[in-house]
Amino acid sequence: MTTPIMQSPLAITDLVDWGVIPTMIEGESRTSGRLLHKGPEGRSECGLWVCTPGKWHCHVTRDEFCHFLEGRCTYVHESGEVIEIEPDTAAFFPQDWKGVCTVHETIKKVYMIR
């Protein structure tokens, strides 16, 4: 088995179209990315994710760690907590986190879901 790696994720432009966010509130955020690894039975995955501007309802169904590489967005938890994301921000969203995400400038992040 070889170790999956992703060199220079900011420079990657050969992405797979993953479609429009299904829970849109405003706009039409398109997602794309590249999968680096998917664990047994799809229980975990990691890779690169890109999302264009828009606003949508967000429900994190499994723990997710993200390192945002570029772009700007705002997450507002249903409790009212506001999380401002800018380039070089790391965040952990626990399972069942719910709120609204507004992407102001196209975001690119590397992520790990478990």
PDB file of N, CA and C in Angstrom:
ATOM      1  N   MET A   1       0.844  -1.185   0.000  1.00  0.00           N
ATOM      2  CA  MET A   1       0.000   0.000   0.000  1.00  0.00           C
ATOM      3  C   MET A   1       0.885   1.243   0.000  1.00  0.00           C
ATOM      4  N   THR A   2       0.551   2.218  -0.824  1.00  0.00           N
ATOM      5  CA  THR A   2       1.287   3.471  -0.845  1.00  0.00           C
ATOM      6  C   THR A   2       0.520   4.527  -0.044  1.00  0.00           C
ATOM      7  N   THR A   3       1.232   5.494   0.467  1.00  0.00           N
ATOM      8  CA  THR A   3       0.632   6.563   1.246  1.00  0.00           C
ATOM      9  C   THR A   3       0.093   7.637   0.308  1.00  0.00           C
ATOM     10  N   PRO A   4      -1.218   7.927   0.378  1.00  0.00           N
ATOM     11  CA  PRO A   4      -1.778   8.972  -0.480  1.00  0.00           C
ATOM     12  C   PRO A   4      -1.239  10.339  -0.060  1.00  0.00           C
ATOM     13  N   ILE A   5      -0.764  11.127  -1.017  1.00  0.00           N
ATOM     14  CA  ILE A   5      -0.319  12.490  -0.741  1.00  0.00           C
ATOM     15  C   ILE A   5      -0.887  13.428  -1.802  1.00  0.00           C
ATOM     16  N   MET A   6      -0.948  14.705  -1.447  1.00  0.00           N
ATOM     17  CA  MET A   6      -1.417  15.727  -2.374  1.00  0.00           C
ATOM     18  C   MET A   6      -0.410  16.877  -2.304  1.00  0.00           C
ATOM     19  N   GLN A   7       0.398  17.011  -3.342  1.00  0.00           N
ATOM     20  CA  GLN A   7       1.387  18.087  -3.388  1.00  0.00           C
ATOM     21  C   GLN A   7       0.724  19.385  -3.856  1.00  0.00           C
ATOM     22  N   SER A   8       1.046  20.479  -3.221  1.00  0.00           N
ATOM     23  CA  SER A   8       0.600  21.829  -3.627  1.00  0.00           C
ATOM     24  C   SER A   8      -0.897  21.897  -3.942  1.00  0.00           C
ATOM     25  N   PRO A   9      -1.769  21.638  -2.951  1.00  0.00           N
ATOM     26  CA  PRO A   9      -3.208  21.635  -3.238  1.00  0.00           C
ATOM     27  C   PRO A   9      -3.740  22.955  -3.787  1.00  0.00           C
ATOM     28  N   LEU A  10      -3.107  24.078  -3.440  1.00  0.00           N
ATOM     29  CA  LEU A  10      -3.558  25.362  -3.981  1.00  0.00           C
ATOM     30  C   LEU A  10      -3.407  25.432  -5.494  1.00  0.00           C
ATOM     31  N   ALA A  11      -2.439  24.709  -6.025  1.00  0.00           N
ATOM     32  CA  ALA A  11      -2.157  24.765  -7.465  1.00  0.00           C
ATOM     33  C   ALA A  11      -3.010  23.797  -8.282  1.00  0.00           C
ATOM     34  N   ILE A  12      -3.731  22.907  -7.635  1.00  0.00           N
ATOM     35  CA  ILE A  12      -4.514  21.888  -8.354  1.00  0.00           C
ATOM     36  C   ILE A  12      -5.720  22.527  -9.031  1.00  0.00           C
ATOM     37  N   THR A  13      -5.835  22.313 -10.326  1.00  0.00           N
ATOM     38  CA  THR A  13      -6.972  22.836 -11.087  1.00  0.00           C
ATOM     39  C   THR A  13      -7.760  21.722 -11.784  1.00  0.00           C
ATOM     40  N   ASP A  14      -7.216  20.519 -11.820  1.00  0.00           N
ATOM     41  CA  ASP A  14      -7.880  19.378 -12.452  1.00  0.00           C
ATOM     42  C   ASP A  14      -8.821  18.741 -11.430  1.00  0.00           C
ATOM     43  N   LEU A  15     -10.040  19.294 -11.336  1.00  0.00           N
ATOM     44  CA  LEU A  15     -10.985  18.891 -10.301  1.00  0.00           C
ATOM     45  C   LEU A  15     -12.194  18.174 -10.890  1.00  0.00           C
ATOM     46  N   VAL A  16     -12.847  17.391 -10.067  1.00  0.00           N
ATOM     47  CA  VAL A  16     -14.073  16.688 -10.451  1.00  0.00           C
ATOM     48  C   VAL A  16     -15.267  17.554 -10.039  1.00  0.00           C
ATOM     49  N   ASP A  17     -16.235  17.730 -10.940  1.00  0.00           N
ATOM     50  CA  ASP A  17     -17.443  18.504 -10.629  1.00  0.00           C
ATOM     51  C   ASP A  17     -18.318  17.677  -9.691  1.00  0.00           C
ATOM     52  N   TRP A  18     -18.564  18.196  -8.497  1.00  0.00           N
ATOM     53  CA  TRP A  18     -19.395  17.488  -7.519  1.00  0.00           C
ATOM     54  C   TRP A  18     -20.792  18.093  -7.415  1.00  0.00           C
ATOM     55  N   GLY A  19     -21.115  19.041  -8.291  1.00  0.00           N
ATOM     56  CA  GLY A  19     -22.488  19.551  -8.373  1.00  0.00           C
ATOM     57  C   GLY A  19     -22.782  20.736  -7.469  1.00  0.00           C
ATOM     58  N   VAL A  20     -24.061  21.111  -7.465  1.00  0.00           N
ATOM     59  CA  VAL A  20     -24.555  22.256  -6.692  1.00  0.00           C
ATOM     60  C   VAL A  20     -24.930  21.782  -5.292  1.00  0.00           C
ATOM     61  N   ILE A  21     -24.659  22.622  -4.300  1.00  0.00           N
ATOM     62  CA  ILE A  21     -25.074  22.336  -2.919  1.00  0.00           C
ATOM     63  C   ILE A  21     -26.594  22.143  -2.931  1.00  0.00           C
ATOM     64  N   PRO A  22     -27.103  21.034  -2.370  1.00  0.00           N
ATOM     65  CA  PRO A  22     -28.547  20.759  -2.461  1.00  0.00           C
ATOM     66  C   PRO A  22     -29.429  21.592  -1.530  1.00  0.00           C
ATOM     67  N   THR A  23     -28.844  22.298  -0.562  1.00  0.00           N
ATOM     68  CA  THR A  23     -29.647  23.019   0.437  1.00  0.00           C
ATOM     69  C   THR A  23     -29.491  24.536   0.295  1.00  0.00           C
ATOM     70  N   MET A  24     -29.442  25.018  -0.938  1.00  0.00           N
ATOM     71  CA  MET A  24     -29.213  26.441  -1.217  1.00  0.00           C
ATOM     72  C   MET A  24     -30.320  27.329  -0.636  1.00  0.00           C
ATOM     73  N   ILE A  25     -29.888  28.497  -0.143  1.00  0.00           N
ATOM     74  CA  ILE A  25     -30.802  29.559   0.299  1.00  0.00           C
ATOM     75  C   ILE A  25     -30.760  30.690  -0.722  1.00  0.00           C
ATOM     76  N   GLU A  26     -29.528  31.078  -1.130  1.00  0.00           N
ATOM     77  CA  GLU A  26     -29.332  32.131  -2.135  1.00  0.00           C
ATOM     78  C   GLU A  26     -28.209  31.706  -3.071  1.00  0.00           C
ATOM     79  N   GLY A  27     -28.365  32.023  -4.363  1.00  0.00           N
ATOM     80  CA  GLY A  27     -27.319  31.722  -5.331  1.00  0.00           C
ATOM     81  C   GLY A  27     -27.285  30.258  -5.722  1.00  0.00           C
ATOM     82  N   GLU A  28     -26.148  29.840  -6.268  1.00  0.00           N
ATOM     83  CA  GLU A  28     -25.975  28.464  -6.731  1.00  0.00           C
ATOM     84  C   GLU A  28     -24.506  28.070  -6.532  1.00  0.00           C
ATOM     85  N   SER A  29     -24.166  27.692  -5.305  1.00  0.00           N
ATOM     86  CA  SER A  29     -22.790  27.293  -4.995  1.00  0.00           C
ATOM     87  C   SER A  29     -22.469  25.961  -5.657  1.00  0.00           C
ATOM     88  N   ARG A  30     -21.470  25.971  -6.548  1.00  0.00           N
ATOM     89  CA  ARG A  30     -21.010  24.753  -7.216  1.00  0.00           C
ATOM     90  C   ARG A  30     -19.800  24.224  -6.467  1.00  0.00           C
ATOM     91  N   THR A  31     -19.764  22.914  -6.292  1.00  0.00           N
ATOM     92  CA  THR A  31     -18.647  22.284  -5.604  1.00  0.00           C
ATOM     93  C   THR A  31     -17.867  21.401  -6.561  1.00  0.00           C
ATOM     94  N   SER A  32     -16.590  21.288  -6.276  1.00  0.00           N
ATOM     95  CA  SER A  32     -15.718  20.416  -7.044  1.00  0.00           C
ATOM     96  C   SER A  32     -14.569  20.026  -6.130  1.00  0.00           C
ATOM     97  N   GLY A  33     -13.781  19.069  -6.553  1.00  0.00           N
ATOM     98  CA  GLY A  33     -12.660  18.690  -5.717  1.00  0.00           C
ATOM     99  C   GLY A  33     -11.927  17.480  -6.249  1.00  0.00           C
ATOM    100  N   ARG A  34     -11.113  16.958  -5.370  1.00  0.00           N
ATOM    101  CA  ARG A  34     -10.360  15.749  -5.679  1.00  0.00           C
ATOM    102  C   ARG A  34     -10.249  14.932  -4.399  1.00  0.00           C
ATOM    103  N   LEU A  35     -10.656  13.679  -4.496  1.00  0.00           N
ATOM    104  CA  LEU A  35     -10.579  12.762  -3.359  1.00  0.00           C
ATOM    105  C   LEU A  35      -9.148  12.261  -3.228  1.00  0.00           C
ATOM    106  N   LEU A  36      -8.605  12.332  -2.022  1.00  0.00           N
ATOM    107  CA  LEU A  36      -7.267  11.823  -1.768  1.00  0.00           C
ATOM    108  C   LEU A  36      -7.335  10.380  -1.271  1.00  0.00           C
ATOM    109  N   HIS A  37      -8.292  10.118  -0.373  1.00  0.00           N
ATOM    110  CA  HIS A  37      -8.425   8.771   0.190  1.00  0.00           C
ATOM    111  C   HIS A  37      -9.842   8.579   0.714  1.00  0.00           C
ATOM    112  N   LYS A  38     -10.371   7.381   0.543  1.00  0.00           N
ATOM    113  CA  LYS A  38     -11.663   7.003   1.126  1.00  0.00           C
ATOM    114  C   LYS A  38     -11.441   5.720   1.910  1.00  0.00           C
ATOM    115  N   GLY A  39     -11.852   5.717   3.173  1.00  0.00           N
ATOM    116  CA  GLY A  39     -11.654   4.560   4.044  1.00  0.00           C
ATOM    117  C   GLY A  39     -12.643   3.437   3.772  1.00  0.00           C
ATOM    118  N   PRO A  40     -12.473   2.319   4.478  1.00  0.00           N
ATOM    119  CA  PRO A  40     -13.363   1.169   4.307  1.00  0.00           C
ATOM    120  C   PRO A  40     -14.824   1.550   4.511  1.00  0.00           C
ATOM    121  N   GLU A  41     -15.682   1.048   3.645  1.00  0.00           N
ATOM    122  CA  GLU A  41     -17.125   1.314   3.675  1.00  0.00           C
ATOM    123  C   GLU A  41     -17.445   2.807   3.657  1.00  0.00           C
ATOM    124  N   GLY A  42     -16.519   3.641   3.186  1.00  0.00           N
ATOM    125  CA  GLY A  42     -16.766   5.074   3.092  1.00  0.00           C
ATOM    126  C   GLY A  42     -16.901   5.775   4.427  1.00  0.00           C
ATOM    127  N   ARG A  43     -16.420   5.153   5.507  1.00  0.00           N
ATOM    128  CA  ARG A  43     -16.570   5.752   6.840  1.00  0.00           C
ATOM    129  C   ARG A  43     -15.715   7.002   7.022  1.00  0.00           C
ATOM    130  N   SER A  44     -14.651   7.131   6.271  1.00  0.00           N
ATOM    131  CA  SER A  44     -13.812   8.329   6.357  1.00  0.00           C
ATOM    132  C   SER A  44     -13.378   8.706   4.945  1.00  0.00           C
ATOM    133  N   GLU A  45     -13.033   9.973   4.781  1.00  0.00           N
ATOM    134  CA  GLU A  45     -12.479  10.415   3.502  1.00  0.00           C
ATOM    135  C   GLU A  45     -11.717  11.712   3.722  1.00  0.00           C
ATOM    136  N   CYS A  46     -10.798  11.971   2.813  1.00  0.00           N
ATOM    137  CA  CYS A  46     -10.069  13.237   2.846  1.00  0.00           C
ATOM    138  C   CYS A  46      -9.761  13.654   1.419  1.00  0.00           C
ATOM    139  N   GLY A  47      -9.558  14.953   1.248  1.00  0.00           N
ATOM    140  CA  GLY A  47      -9.270  15.447  -0.084  1.00  0.00           C
ATOM    141  C   GLY A  47      -9.288  16.953  -0.153  1.00  0.00           C
ATOM    142  N   LEU A  48      -9.527  17.444  -1.354  1.00  0.00           N
ATOM    143  CA  LEU A  48      -9.560  18.867  -1.657  1.00  0.00           C
ATOM    144  C   LEU A  48     -10.983  19.214  -2.079  1.00  0.00           C
ATOM    145  N   TRP A  49     -11.517  20.326  -1.561  1.00  0.00           N
ATOM    146  CA  TRP A  49     -12.893  20.740  -1.848  1.00  0.00           C
ATOM    147  C   TRP A  49     -12.900  22.213  -2.213  1.00  0.00           C
ATOM    148  N   VAL A  50     -13.612  22.553  -3.283  1.00  0.00           N
ATOM    149  CA  VAL A  50     -13.736  23.934  -3.753  1.00  0.00           C
ATOM    150  C   VAL A  50     -15.225  24.259  -3.844  1.00  0.00           C
ATOM    151  N   CYS A  51     -15.598  25.467  -3.420  1.00  0.00           N
ATOM    152  CA  CYS A  51     -17.004  25.877  -3.470  1.00  0.00           C
ATOM    153  C   CYS A  51     -17.099  27.344  -3.873  1.00  0.00           C
ATOM    154  N   THR A  52     -17.988  27.625  -4.837  1.00  0.00           N
ATOM    155  CA  THR A  52     -18.192  28.986  -5.331  1.00  0.00           C
ATOM    156  C   THR A  52     -19.201  29.726  -4.440  1.00  0.00           C
ATOM    157  N   PRO A  53     -19.275  31.055  -4.582  1.00  0.00           N
ATOM    158  CA  PRO A  53     -20.139  31.852  -3.705  1.00  0.00           C
ATOM    159  C   PRO A  53     -21.613  31.444  -3.715  1.00  0.00           C
ATOM    160  N   GLY A  54     -22.237  31.667  -2.556  1.00  0.00           N
ATOM    161  CA  GLY A  54     -23.643  31.367  -2.335  1.00  0.00           C
ATOM    162  C   GLY A  54     -23.897  31.186  -0.848  1.00  0.00           C
ATOM    163  N   LYS A  55     -25.148  30.903  -0.510  1.00  0.00           N
ATOM    164  CA  LYS A  55     -25.557  30.733   0.899  1.00  0.00           C
ATOM    165  C   LYS A  55     -26.424  29.503   1.006  1.00  0.00           C
ATOM    166  N   TRP A  56     -26.137  28.649   1.993  1.00  0.00           N
ATOM    167  CA  TRP A  56     -26.904  27.423   2.129  1.00  0.00           C
ATOM    168  C   TRP A  56     -26.971  26.943   3.573  1.00  0.00           C
ATOM    169  N   HIS A  57     -27.967  26.065   3.832  1.00  0.00           N
ATOM    170  CA  HIS A  57     -28.080  25.380   5.123  1.00  0.00           C
ATOM    171  C   HIS A  57     -26.998  24.310   5.171  1.00  0.00           C
ATOM    172  N   CYS A  58     -26.304  24.220   6.294  1.00  0.00           N
ATOM    173  CA  CYS A  58     -25.194  23.281   6.454  1.00  0.00           C
ATOM    174  C   CYS A  58     -25.484  22.353   7.630  1.00  0.00           C
ATOM    175  N   HIS A  59     -25.397  21.049   7.393  1.00  0.00           N
ATOM    176  CA  HIS A  59     -25.517  20.045   8.460  1.00  0.00           C
ATOM    177  C   HIS A  59     -24.341  19.092   8.313  1.00  0.00           C
ATOM    178  N   VAL A  60     -23.441  19.128   9.285  1.00  0.00           N
ATOM    179  CA  VAL A  60     -22.256  18.271   9.268  1.00  0.00           C
ATOM    180  C   VAL A  60     -22.662  16.916   9.850  1.00  0.00           C
ATOM    181  N   THR A  61     -22.647  15.877   9.023  1.00  0.00           N
ATOM    182  CA  THR A  61     -23.157  14.575   9.462  1.00  0.00           C
ATOM    183  C   THR A  61     -22.093  13.689  10.117  1.00  0.00           C
ATOM    184  N   ARG A  62     -20.804  14.037   9.926  1.00  0.00           N
ATOM    185  CA  ARG A  62     -19.700  13.328  10.587  1.00  0.00           C
ATOM    186  C   ARG A  62     -18.625  14.356  10.935  1.00  0.00           C
ATOM    187  N   ASP A  63     -17.821  14.088  11.964  1.00  0.00           N
ATOM    188  CA  ASP A  63     -16.744  15.008  12.330  1.00  0.00           C
ATOM    189  C   ASP A  63     -15.945  15.403  11.091  1.00  0.00           C
ATOM    190  N   GLU A  64     -15.643  16.704  10.975  1.00  0.00           N
ATOM    191  CA  GLU A  64     -14.861  17.175   9.831  1.00  0.00           C
ATOM    192  C   GLU A  64     -13.823  18.206  10.266  1.00  0.00           C
ATOM    193  N   PHE A  65     -12.572  17.943   9.914  1.00  0.00           N
ATOM    194  CA  PHE A  65     -11.490  18.903  10.094  1.00  0.00           C
ATOM    195  C   PHE A  65     -11.214  19.532   8.735  1.00  0.00           C
ATOM    196  N   CYS A  66     -11.072  20.855   8.710  1.00  0.00           N
ATOM    197  CA  CYS A  66     -10.815  21.574   7.464  1.00  0.00           C
ATOM    198  C   CYS A  66      -9.650  22.539   7.649  1.00  0.00           C
ATOM    199  N   HIS A  67      -8.822  22.646   6.632  1.00  0.00           N
ATOM    200  CA  HIS A  67      -7.830  23.720   6.557  1.00  0.00           C
ATOM    201  C   HIS A  67      -8.181  24.505   5.298  1.00  0.00           C
ATOM    202  N   PHE A  68      -8.703  25.710   5.496  1.00  0.00           N
ATOM    203  CA  PHE A  68      -9.110  26.567   4.385  1.00  0.00           C
ATOM    204  C   PHE A  68      -7.867  27.235   3.811  1.00  0.00           C
ATOM    205  N   LEU A  69      -7.627  27.037   2.534  1.00  0.00           N
ATOM    206  CA  LEU A  69      -6.420  27.527   1.879  1.00  0.00           C
ATOM    207  C   LEU A  69      -6.603  28.890   1.227  1.00  0.00           C
ATOM    208  N   GLU A  70      -7.799  29.112   0.673  1.00  0.00           N
ATOM    209  CA  GLU A  70      -8.079  30.408   0.047  1.00  0.00           C
ATOM    210  C   GLU A  70      -9.570  30.678   0.072  1.00  0.00           C
ATOM    211  N   GLY A  71      -9.926  31.955  -0.153  1.00  0.00           N
ATOM    212  CA  GLY A  71     -11.322  32.369  -0.158  1.00  0.00           C
ATOM    213  C   GLY A  71     -11.779  32.869   1.201  1.00  0.00           C
ATOM    214  N   ARG A  72     -13.048  33.297   1.221  1.00  0.00           N
ATOM    215  CA  ARG A  72     -13.645  33.787   2.462  1.00  0.00           C
ATOM    216  C   ARG A  72     -15.071  33.276   2.563  1.00  0.00           C
ATOM    217  N   CYS A  73     -15.446  32.867   3.783  1.00  0.00           N
ATOM    218  CA  CYS A  73     -16.821  32.457   4.035  1.00  0.00           C
ATOM    219  C   CYS A  73     -17.155  32.688   5.501  1.00  0.00           C
ATOM    220  N   THR A  74     -18.441  32.649   5.795  1.00  0.00           N
ATOM    221  CA  THR A  74     -18.924  32.813   7.165  1.00  0.00           C
ATOM    222  C   THR A  74     -19.855  31.654   7.485  1.00  0.00           C
ATOM    223  N   TYR A  75     -19.591  30.994   8.609  1.00  0.00           N
ATOM    224  CA  TYR A  75     -20.489  29.973   9.130  1.00  0.00           C
ATOM    225  C   TYR A  75     -21.207  30.565  10.334  1.00  0.00           C
ATOM    226  N   VAL A  76     -22.531  30.399  10.400  1.00  0.00           N
ATOM    227  CA  VAL A  76     -23.306  30.841  11.558  1.00  0.00           C
ATOM    228  C   VAL A  76     -24.010  29.614  12.122  1.00  0.00           C
ATOM    229  N   HIS A  77     -23.591  29.188  13.325  1.00  0.00           N
ATOM    230  CA  HIS A  77     -24.193  28.031  13.992  1.00  0.00           C
ATOM    231  C   HIS A  77     -25.616  28.382  14.400  1.00  0.00           C
ATOM    232  N   GLU A  78     -26.466  27.367  14.511  1.00  0.00           N
ATOM    233  CA  GLU A  78     -27.857  27.615  14.889  1.00  0.00           C
ATOM    234  C   GLU A  78     -27.963  28.280  16.264  1.00  0.00           C
ATOM    235  N   SER A  79     -26.900  28.225  17.082  1.00  0.00           N
ATOM    236  CA  SER A  79     -26.882  28.894  18.389  1.00  0.00           C
ATOM    237  C   SER A  79     -26.607  30.393  18.248  1.00  0.00           C
ATOM    238  N   GLY A  80     -26.156  30.821  17.035  1.00  0.00           N
ATOM    239  CA  GLY A  80     -25.822  32.218  16.806  1.00  0.00           C
ATOM    240  C   GLY A  80     -24.322  32.477  16.724  1.00  0.00           C
ATOM    241  N   GLU A  81     -23.503  31.488  17.105  1.00  0.00           N
ATOM    242  CA  GLU A  81     -22.045  31.648  17.011  1.00  0.00           C
ATOM    243  C   GLU A  81     -21.656  31.916  15.561  1.00  0.00           C
ATOM    244  N   VAL A  82     -20.799  32.931  15.350  1.00  0.00           N
ATOM    245  CA  VAL A  82     -20.349  33.310  14.011  1.00  0.00           C
ATOM    246  C   VAL A  82     -18.882  32.917  13.859  1.00  0.00           C
ATOM    247  N   ILE A  83     -18.572  32.190  12.781  1.00  0.00           N
ATOM    248  CA  ILE A  83     -17.209  31.748  12.496  1.00  0.00           C
ATOM    249  C   ILE A  83     -16.793  32.357  11.166  1.00  0.00           C
ATOM    250  N   GLU A  84     -15.828  33.264  11.214  1.00  0.00           N
ATOM    251  CA  GLU A  84     -15.325  33.915   9.999  1.00  0.00           C
ATOM    252  C   GLU A  84     -14.118  33.131   9.496  1.00  0.00           C
ATOM    253  N   ILE A  85     -14.187  32.714   8.240  1.00  0.00           N
ATOM    254  CA  ILE A  85     -13.113  31.934   7.625  1.00  0.00           C
ATOM    255  C   ILE A  85     -12.391  32.810   6.608  1.00  0.00           C
ATOM    256  N   GLU A  86     -11.073  32.807   6.689  1.00  0.00           N
ATOM    257  CA  GLU A  86     -10.230  33.489   5.713  1.00  0.00           C
ATOM    258  C   GLU A  86      -9.104  32.526   5.363  1.00  0.00           C
ATOM    259  N   PRO A  87      -8.272  32.864   4.378  1.00  0.00           N
ATOM    260  CA  PRO A  87      -7.188  31.944   3.998  1.00  0.00           C
ATOM    261  C   PRO A  87      -6.313  31.566   5.201  1.00  0.00           C
ATOM    262  N   ASP A  88      -5.896  30.304   5.220  1.00  0.00           N
ATOM    263  CA  ASP A  88      -5.032  29.737   6.253  1.00  0.00           C
ATOM    264  C   ASP A  88      -5.728  29.641   7.604  1.00  0.00           C
ATOM    265  N   THR A  89      -7.029  29.299   7.583  1.00  0.00           N
ATOM    266  CA  THR A  89      -7.808  29.053   8.794  1.00  0.00           C
ATOM    267  C   THR A  89      -8.076  27.564   8.907  1.00  0.00           C
ATOM    268  N   ALA A  90      -7.842  27.014  10.092  1.00  0.00           N
ATOM    269  CA  ALA A  90      -8.180  25.613  10.366  1.00  0.00           C
ATOM    270  C   ALA A  90      -9.407  25.600  11.268  1.00  0.00           C
ATOM    271  N   ALA A  91     -10.309  24.648  11.025  1.00  0.00           N
ATOM    272  CA  ALA A  91     -11.532  24.549  11.820  1.00  0.00           C
ATOM    273  C   ALA A  91     -11.934  23.085  11.970  1.00  0.00           C
ATOM    274  N   PHE A  92     -12.575  22.783  13.091  1.00  0.00           N
ATOM    275  CA  PHE A  92     -13.132  21.452  13.326  1.00  0.00           C
ATOM    276  C   PHE A  92     -14.629  21.605  13.542  1.00  0.00           C
ATOM    277  N   PHE A  93     -15.411  20.909  12.709  1.00  0.00           N
ATOM    278  CA  PHE A  93     -16.863  20.911  12.838  1.00  0.00           C
ATOM    279  C   PHE A  93     -17.293  19.539  13.355  1.00  0.00           C
ATOM    280  N   PRO A  94     -17.828  19.467  14.584  1.00  0.00           N
ATOM    281  CA  PRO A  94     -18.235  18.175  15.133  1.00  0.00           C
ATOM    282  C   PRO A  94     -19.498  17.636  14.453  1.00  0.00           C
ATOM    283  N   GLN A  95     -19.660  16.332  14.544  1.00  0.00           N
ATOM    284  CA  GLN A  95     -20.859  15.689  13.996  1.00  0.00           C
ATOM    285  C   GLN A  95     -22.098  16.403  14.514  1.00  0.00           C
ATOM    286  N   ASP A  96     -23.064  16.603  13.632  1.00  0.00           N
ATOM    287  CA  ASP A  96     -24.351  17.243  13.909  1.00  0.00           C
ATOM    288  C   ASP A  96     -24.280  18.761  14.078  1.00  0.00           C
ATOM    289  N   TRP A  97     -23.143  19.381  13.686  1.00  0.00           N
ATOM    290  CA  TRP A  97     -23.082  20.845  13.651  1.00  0.00           C
ATOM    291  C   TRP A  97     -24.091  21.295  12.605  1.00  0.00           C
ATOM    292  N   LYS A  98     -24.920  22.292  12.964  1.00  0.00           N
ATOM    293  CA  LYS A  98     -25.933  22.791  12.035  1.00  0.00           C
ATOM    294  C   LYS A  98     -25.904  24.309  12.017  1.00  0.00           C
ATOM    295  N   GLY A  99     -26.072  24.857  10.831  1.00  0.00           N
ATOM    296  CA  GLY A  99     -26.108  26.305  10.692  1.00  0.00           C
ATOM    297  C   GLY A  99     -26.232  26.695   9.242  1.00  0.00           C
ATOM    298  N   VAL A 100     -25.717  27.891   8.935  1.00  0.00           N
ATOM    299  CA  VAL A 100     -25.769  28.436   7.583  1.00  0.00           C
ATOM    300  C   VAL A 100     -24.356  28.820   7.177  1.00  0.00           C
ATOM    301  N   CYS A 101     -23.999  28.510   5.938  1.00  0.00           N
ATOM    302  CA  CYS A 101     -22.701  28.902   5.391  1.00  0.00           C
ATOM    303  C   CYS A 101     -22.936  29.892   4.260  1.00  0.00           C
ATOM    304  N   THR A 102     -22.187  30.990   4.296  1.00  0.00           N
ATOM    305  CA  THR A 102     -22.207  31.972   3.217  1.00  0.00           C
ATOM    306  C   THR A 102     -20.797  32.084   2.661  1.00  0.00           C
ATOM    307  N   VAL A 103     -20.626  31.693   1.408  1.00  0.00           N
ATOM    308  CA  VAL A 103     -19.327  31.808   0.747  1.00  0.00           C
ATOM    309  C   VAL A 103     -19.294  33.161   0.043  1.00  0.00           C
ATOM    310  N   HIS A 104     -18.343  34.016   0.460  1.00  0.00           N
ATOM    311  CA  HIS A 104     -18.201  35.360  -0.105  1.00  0.00           C
ATOM    312  C   HIS A 104     -17.262  35.344  -1.314  1.00  0.00           C
ATOM    313  N   GLU A 105     -16.165  34.591  -1.203  1.00  0.00           N
ATOM    314  CA  GLU A 105     -15.185  34.406  -2.281  1.00  0.00           C
ATOM    315  C   GLU A 105     -14.906  32.917  -2.361  1.00  0.00           C
ATOM    316  N   THR A 106     -14.818  32.360  -3.559  1.00  0.00           N
ATOM    317  CA  THR A 106     -14.625  30.917  -3.744  1.00  0.00           C
ATOM    318  C   THR A 106     -13.599  30.379  -2.753  1.00  0.00           C
ATOM    319  N   ILE A 107     -14.007  29.329  -2.042  1.00  0.00           N
ATOM    320  CA  ILE A 107     -13.134  28.730  -1.038  1.00  0.00           C
ATOM    321  C   ILE A 107     -12.502  27.444  -1.577  1.00  0.00           C
ATOM    322  N   LYS A 108     -11.306  27.196  -1.111  1.00  0.00           N
ATOM    323  CA  LYS A 108     -10.607  25.943  -1.388  1.00  0.00           C
ATOM    324  C   LYS A 108     -10.083  25.455  -0.049  1.00  0.00           C
ATOM    325  N   LYS A 109     -10.399  24.200   0.280  1.00  0.00           N
ATOM    326  CA  LYS A 109      -9.951  23.647   1.554  1.00  0.00           C
ATOM    327  C   LYS A 109      -9.504  22.211   1.372  1.00  0.00           C
ATOM    328  N   VAL A 110      -8.624  21.767   2.256  1.00  0.00           N
ATOM    329  CA  VAL A 110      -8.337  20.350   2.393  1.00  0.00           C
ATOM    330  C   VAL A 110      -9.113  19.900   3.629  1.00  0.00           C
ATOM    331  N   TYR A 111      -9.624  18.674   3.583  1.00  0.00           N
ATOM    332  CA  TYR A 111     -10.517  18.218   4.640  1.00  0.00           C
ATOM    333  C   TYR A 111     -10.275  16.764   4.989  1.00  0.00           C
ATOM    334  N   MET A 112     -10.750  16.410   6.180  1.00  0.00           N
ATOM    335  CA  MET A 112     -10.771  15.019   6.636  1.00  0.00           C
ATOM    336  C   MET A 112     -12.098  14.813   7.341  1.00  0.00           C
ATOM    337  N   ILE A 113     -12.867  13.843   6.888  1.00  0.00           N
ATOM    338  CA  ILE A 113     -14.158  13.478   7.487  1.00  0.00           C
ATOM    339  C   ILE A 113     -14.007  12.084   8.078  1.00  0.00           C
ATOM    340  N   ARG A 114     -14.533  11.914   9.300  1.00  0.00           N
ATOM    341  CA  ARG A 114     -14.480  10.577   9.919  1.00  0.00           C
ATOM    342  C   ARG A 114     -15.798  10.243  10.577  1.00  0.00           C
TER     343      ARG A 114
END
